[in-house]
Amino acid sequence: MNIRDLQSALQEYARNTGNFPGTAEAFRPLLATGALASEPHDAWGRLYHYALIEGRPQIISFGSDGLPGVTGPDEDISNLSPELYRTEFRSR
């Protein structure tokens, strides 16, 4: 599953429920409602990370190396622009 499809599922969930899942809930509510058939994995087979920051859902793949905050060819991938991409994961 790619980030765009996952973001669409989150937006549909928010339209139906009035809000996005919280950070602690992550993708579980989407699984429970059938919006997702299985836990979402990135292109490298790792689970996507999710955070709700200031009311905006952030979907993160830590790239090919699986490590947060890396730049270059192993750079993290997020649904937010680089200016908005900030999370607790980046500081680890």
C-alpha atoms as a PDB file:
ATOM      1  CA  MET A   1       0.000   0.000   0.000  1.00  0.00           C
ATOM      2  CA  ASN A   2       1.333   3.432  -0.794  1.00  0.00           C
ATOM      3  CA  ILE A   3       1.074   6.585   1.303  1.00  0.00           C
ATOM      4  CA  ARG A   4      -1.478   8.199  -1.021  1.00  0.00           C
ATOM      5  CA  ASP A   5      -3.881   5.250  -0.681  1.00  0.00           C
ATOM      6  CA  LEU A   6      -3.395   5.190   3.063  1.00  0.00           C
ATOM      7  CA  GLN A   7      -4.077   8.922   3.291  1.00  0.00           C
ATOM      8  CA  SER A   8      -7.273   8.446   1.273  1.00  0.00           C
ATOM      9  CA  ALA A   9      -8.409   5.729   3.707  1.00  0.00           C
ATOM     10  CA  LEU A  10      -7.717   8.075   6.632  1.00  0.00           C
ATOM     11  CA  GLN A  11      -9.672  10.898   4.991  1.00  0.00           C
ATOM     12  CA  GLU A  12     -12.618   8.594   4.348  1.00  0.00           C
ATOM     13  CA  TYR A  13     -12.505   7.441   7.969  1.00  0.00           C
ATOM     14  CA  ALA A  14     -12.491  11.072   9.148  1.00  0.00           C
ATOM     15  CA  ARG A  15     -15.461  11.915   6.898  1.00  0.00           C
ATOM     16  CA  ASN A  16     -17.419   9.029   8.414  1.00  0.00           C
ATOM     17  CA  THR A  17     -16.457   9.573  12.056  1.00  0.00           C
ATOM     18  CA  GLY A  18     -15.706  13.278  12.296  1.00  0.00           C
ATOM     19  CA  ASN A  19     -12.051  12.891  13.224  1.00  0.00           C
ATOM     20  CA  PHE A  20      -8.785  11.129  12.475  1.00  0.00           C
ATOM     21  CA  PRO A  21      -7.554   8.328  14.725  1.00  0.00           C
ATOM     22  CA  GLY A  22      -5.293   9.460  17.551  1.00  0.00           C
ATOM     23  CA  THR A  23      -1.594   8.690  17.556  1.00  0.00           C
ATOM     24  CA  ALA A  24      -1.992   5.842  20.064  1.00  0.00           C
ATOM     25  CA  GLU A  25      -4.803   4.277  18.009  1.00  0.00           C
ATOM     26  CA  ALA A  26      -2.836   4.545  14.770  1.00  0.00           C
ATOM     27  CA  PHE A  27      -4.431   2.432  12.024  1.00  0.00           C
ATOM     28  CA  ARG A  28      -6.432   0.107  14.313  1.00  0.00           C
ATOM     29  CA  PRO A  29      -9.752   1.947  13.828  1.00  0.00           C
ATOM     30  CA  LEU A  30      -9.370   1.659  10.049  1.00  0.00           C
ATOM     31  CA  LEU A  31      -8.833  -2.068  10.401  1.00  0.00           C
ATOM     32  CA  ALA A  32     -11.835  -2.387  12.727  1.00  0.00           C
ATOM     33  CA  THR A  33     -14.162  -0.584  10.300  1.00  0.00           C
ATOM     34  CA  GLY A  34     -12.869  -2.381   7.223  1.00  0.00           C
ATOM     35  CA  ALA A  35     -11.345   0.759   5.703  1.00  0.00           C
ATOM     36  CA  LEU A  36      -8.101  -1.248   5.620  1.00  0.00           C
ATOM     37  CA  ALA A  37      -8.004  -4.987   5.024  1.00  0.00           C
ATOM     38  CA  SER A  38      -4.655  -5.474   6.749  1.00  0.00           C
ATOM     39  CA  GLU A  39      -1.932  -3.527   8.540  1.00  0.00           C
ATOM     40  CA  PRO A  40      -0.282  -1.191   6.036  1.00  0.00           C
ATOM     41  CA  HIS A  41       3.320  -1.905   5.008  1.00  0.00           C
ATOM     42  CA  ASP A  42       5.690   0.250   3.003  1.00  0.00           C
ATOM     43  CA  ALA A  43       7.593  -0.829  -0.104  1.00  0.00           C
ATOM     44  CA  TRP A  44      10.267  -2.466   2.093  1.00  0.00           C
ATOM     45  CA  GLY A  45       7.748  -4.586   3.991  1.00  0.00           C
ATOM     46  CA  ARG A  46       7.835  -2.512   7.190  1.00  0.00           C
ATOM     47  CA  LEU A  47       4.766  -1.132   8.940  1.00  0.00           C
ATOM     48  CA  TYR A  48       4.031   2.520   8.290  1.00  0.00           C
ATOM     49  CA  HIS A  49       4.243   4.809  11.301  1.00  0.00           C
ATOM     50  CA  TYR A  50       1.402   7.170  12.135  1.00  0.00           C
ATOM     51  CA  ALA A  51       1.078  10.279  14.254  1.00  0.00           C
ATOM     52  CA  LEU A  52      -1.705  12.846  14.612  1.00  0.00           C
ATOM     53  CA  ILE A  53       0.023  16.207  14.982  1.00  0.00           C
ATOM     54  CA  GLU A  54      -2.024  19.373  15.435  1.00  0.00           C
ATOM     55  CA  GLY A  55      -5.035  17.594  13.949  1.00  0.00           C
ATOM     56  CA  ARG A  56      -3.156  16.455  10.838  1.00  0.00           C
ATOM     57  CA  PRO A  57      -2.419  12.801  10.170  1.00  0.00           C
ATOM     58  CA  GLN A  58       1.216  12.038   9.442  1.00  0.00           C
ATOM     59  CA  ILE A  59       2.112   8.788   7.677  1.00  0.00           C
ATOM     60  CA  ILE A  60       5.780   7.863   7.727  1.00  0.00           C
ATOM     61  CA  SER A  61       7.986   5.262   6.108  1.00  0.00           C
ATOM     62  CA  PHE A  62      11.544   5.223   7.400  1.00  0.00           C
ATOM     63  CA  GLY A  63      12.768   4.372   3.915  1.00  0.00           C
ATOM     64  CA  SER A  64      14.896   1.500   2.736  1.00  0.00           C
ATOM     65  CA  ASP A  65      17.097   1.341   5.834  1.00  0.00           C
ATOM     66  CA  GLY A  66      14.185   1.455   8.302  1.00  0.00           C
ATOM     67  CA  LEU A  67      15.876   4.122  10.434  1.00  0.00           C
ATOM     68  CA  PRO A  68      14.220   7.431  11.335  1.00  0.00           C
ATOM     69  CA  GLY A  69      15.672  10.795  10.403  1.00  0.00           C
ATOM     70  CA  VAL A  70      18.076   9.630   7.716  1.00  0.00           C
ATOM     71  CA  THR A  71      18.796  11.809   4.677  1.00  0.00           C
ATOM     72  CA  GLY A  72      19.975  10.895   1.212  1.00  0.00           C
ATOM     73  CA  PRO A  73      18.896   7.703  -0.570  1.00  0.00           C
ATOM     74  CA  ASP A  74      17.524   6.206   2.682  1.00  0.00           C
ATOM     75  CA  GLU A  75      15.511   9.327   3.537  1.00  0.00           C
ATOM     76  CA  ASP A  76      12.201   9.033   5.380  1.00  0.00           C
ATOM     77  CA  ILE A  77       9.038   9.346   3.298  1.00  0.00           C
ATOM     78  CA  SER A  78       5.978  11.190   4.606  1.00  0.00           C
ATOM     79  CA  ASN A  79       2.623  12.404   3.347  1.00  0.00           C
ATOM     80  CA  LEU A  80       3.481  15.902   4.580  1.00  0.00           C
ATOM     81  CA  SER A  81       5.752  18.366   2.857  1.00  0.00           C
ATOM     82  CA  PRO A  82       9.312  18.564   4.246  1.00  0.00           C
ATOM     83  CA  GLU A  83       8.461  21.868   5.952  1.00  0.00           C
ATOM     84  CA  LEU A  84       5.616  20.216   7.860  1.00  0.00           C
ATOM     85  CA  TYR A  85       7.307  16.874   8.420  1.00  0.00           C
ATOM     86  CA  ARG A  86       8.168  16.757  12.075  1.00  0.00           C
ATOM     87  CA  THR A  87       7.666  14.001  14.523  1.00  0.00           C
ATOM     88  CA  GLU A  88       9.056  12.369  17.613  1.00  0.00           C
ATOM     89  CA  PHE A  89      10.506   9.688  15.335  1.00  0.00           C
ATOM     90  CA  ARG A  90      12.929  12.105  13.640  1.00  0.00           C
ATOM     91  CA  SER A  91      14.791  12.867  16.848  1.00  0.00           C
ATOM     92  CA  ARG A  92      15.627   9.260  17.683  1.00  0.00           C
END
